[in-house]
Amino acid sequence: MSAMTVNTYSSRTSVNQGFYANPSAITASFKLNRRGRLARTFVVLSLAIVLGSIVSAKAGAGTDLTATAPGSFITVTVAPGETVWTLANRVAAPGEVRALVAEIISVNSLSSVDITAGQKVRIPLK
């Protein structure tokens, strides 16, 4: 007795109740309809969004979000002709002026080193 039977509906030979002897012939005739293409697109886009969120979450993994201890500041009213550099020169130790200028800009949320006369500027003390 043989385990191979002949399918009377097509010319293909089936083996063991439904397994075709030539499986590549089945997949070549398989086509997605509109709903299938839409589902495939949705799955691919969902996976791309998940992968993108994982990558973006890992990009900021090394940042420290803890609040720093409150420091002491002095508030200075800017006189005509003064710059952030002249304010930093008054307070900073020699060789630390550049770091203090960057910190003054950060603390006061300045977009550049330009300040105007009469403006109040906080200067951090170390």
Protein backbone atom coordinates (compact mmCIF):
# COMPACT_ATOMS: atom_id res chain seq x y z
CA MET A 1 0.00 0.00 0.00
CA SER A 2 1.16 3.43 -0.82
CA ALA A 3 0.57 6.62 1.16
CA MET A 4 0.24 8.57 -2.05
CA THR A 5 -3.21 9.24 -3.46
CA VAL A 6 -4.30 10.94 -6.64
CA ASN A 7 -6.47 14.01 -6.32
CA THR A 8 -9.34 13.81 -8.76
CA TYR A 9 -9.95 17.60 -8.80
CA SER A 10 -6.53 18.62 -10.09
CA SER A 11 -3.53 17.10 -11.78
CA ARG A 12 -1.35 17.50 -8.64
CA THR A 13 -0.51 14.47 -6.53
CA SER A 14 -1.27 14.77 -2.82
CA VAL A 15 0.57 12.91 -0.11
CA ASN A 16 -0.68 12.22 3.44
CA GLN A 17 -4.02 14.03 3.26
CA GLY A 18 -3.38 17.53 1.96
CA PHE A 19 0.38 17.86 1.62
CA TYR A 20 1.30 18.54 -1.97
CA ALA A 21 4.31 16.92 -3.55
CA ASN A 22 5.30 20.28 -5.07
CA PRO A 23 4.68 23.03 -2.44
CA SER A 24 6.22 25.79 -4.61
CA ALA A 25 3.33 25.45 -7.03
CA ILE A 26 0.90 26.49 -4.30
CA THR A 27 2.77 29.62 -3.14
CA ALA A 28 3.27 30.88 -6.68
CA SER A 29 -0.50 31.24 -7.16
CA PHE A 30 -1.09 32.97 -3.78
CA LYS A 31 -2.01 36.67 -4.09
CA LEU A 32 -3.18 39.16 -1.47
CA ASN A 33 -6.40 41.05 -1.94
CA ARG A 34 -6.82 44.68 -0.91
CA ARG A 35 -7.65 43.83 2.71
CA GLY A 36 -4.59 41.58 2.96
CA ARG A 37 -2.29 44.25 1.54
CA LEU A 38 -3.74 46.77 3.98
CA ALA A 39 -3.21 44.40 6.92
CA ARG A 40 0.36 43.71 5.81
CA THR A 41 1.07 47.45 5.56
CA PHE A 42 -0.45 48.04 9.01
CA VAL A 43 1.69 45.32 10.58
CA VAL A 44 4.88 46.62 8.97
CA LEU A 45 4.15 50.21 10.03
CA SER A 46 3.32 49.10 13.57
CA LEU A 47 6.59 47.23 13.85
CA ALA A 48 8.48 50.24 12.48
CA ILE A 49 6.86 52.54 15.06
CA VAL A 50 7.67 50.15 17.90
CA LEU A 51 11.26 49.79 16.72
CA GLY A 52 11.61 53.56 16.37
CA SER A 53 10.30 54.17 19.88
CA ILE A 54 12.70 51.60 21.32
CA VAL A 55 15.64 53.20 19.54
CA SER A 56 14.65 56.71 20.62
CA ALA A 57 14.13 55.58 24.22
CA LYS A 58 17.60 54.07 24.28
CA ALA A 59 19.13 57.23 22.78
CA GLY A 60 18.46 59.17 25.97
CA ALA A 61 19.31 56.31 28.33
CA GLY A 62 22.49 57.96 29.62
CA THR A 63 20.93 61.29 30.57
CA ASP A 64 20.55 62.15 34.21
CA LEU A 65 17.15 63.59 35.06
CA THR A 66 17.73 64.19 38.75
CA ALA A 67 17.39 67.76 39.92
CA THR A 68 20.54 69.48 41.04
CA ALA A 69 20.82 70.97 44.48
CA PRO A 70 19.75 74.59 44.59
CA GLY A 71 22.78 76.82 44.35
CA SER A 72 23.31 80.33 45.48
CA PHE A 73 22.99 83.15 43.00
CA ILE A 74 23.49 86.86 42.91
CA THR A 75 21.22 89.04 40.83
CA VAL A 76 22.90 91.83 38.92
CA THR A 77 21.27 94.65 36.99
CA VAL A 78 23.19 95.10 33.77
CA ALA A 79 24.76 98.53 33.28
CA PRO A 80 25.21 100.11 29.85
CA GLY A 81 28.17 98.60 28.00
CA GLU A 82 28.37 95.43 30.11
CA THR A 83 28.41 91.97 28.57
CA VAL A 84 28.08 88.47 29.95
CA TRP A 85 31.87 88.21 29.75
CA THR A 86 32.46 91.30 31.92
CA LEU A 87 29.97 90.01 34.50
CA ALA A 88 31.71 86.62 34.54
CA ASN A 89 35.16 88.25 34.85
CA ARG A 90 34.05 90.00 38.04
CA VAL A 91 32.96 86.79 39.76
CA ALA A 92 34.94 83.88 38.26
CA ALA A 93 38.39 82.73 39.24
CA PRO A 94 41.09 83.10 36.58
CA GLY A 95 40.77 80.39 33.92
CA GLU A 96 37.10 79.64 34.72
CA VAL A 97 35.47 82.55 32.90
CA ARG A 98 34.37 80.53 29.85
CA ALA A 99 32.60 77.92 32.02
CA LEU A 100 30.85 80.64 34.03
CA VAL A 101 29.67 82.41 30.85
CA ALA A 102 28.12 79.14 29.65
CA GLU A 103 26.48 78.65 33.03
CA ILE A 104 25.09 82.22 33.11
CA ILE A 105 23.57 81.70 29.67
CA SER A 106 22.06 78.38 30.81
CA VAL A 107 20.69 79.66 34.14
CA ASN A 108 19.08 82.73 32.59
CA SER A 109 17.81 80.89 29.48
CA LEU A 110 19.52 83.35 27.17
CA SER A 111 19.55 82.60 23.46
CA SER A 112 22.93 84.32 23.00
CA VAL A 113 25.51 86.33 24.92
CA ASP A 114 23.69 89.57 24.11
CA ILE A 115 22.19 91.36 27.12
CA THR A 116 20.64 94.81 27.39
CA ALA A 117 21.13 97.58 29.93
CA GLY A 118 18.66 97.32 32.80
CA GLN A 119 18.20 93.56 32.40
CA LYS A 120 18.44 91.50 35.59
CA VAL A 121 20.84 88.54 35.29
CA ARG A 122 21.38 85.78 37.82
CA ILE A 123 25.01 84.75 38.29
CA PRO A 124 25.71 81.43 40.03
CA LEU A 125 28.24 81.44 42.85
CA LYS A 126 30.54 78.52 43.46
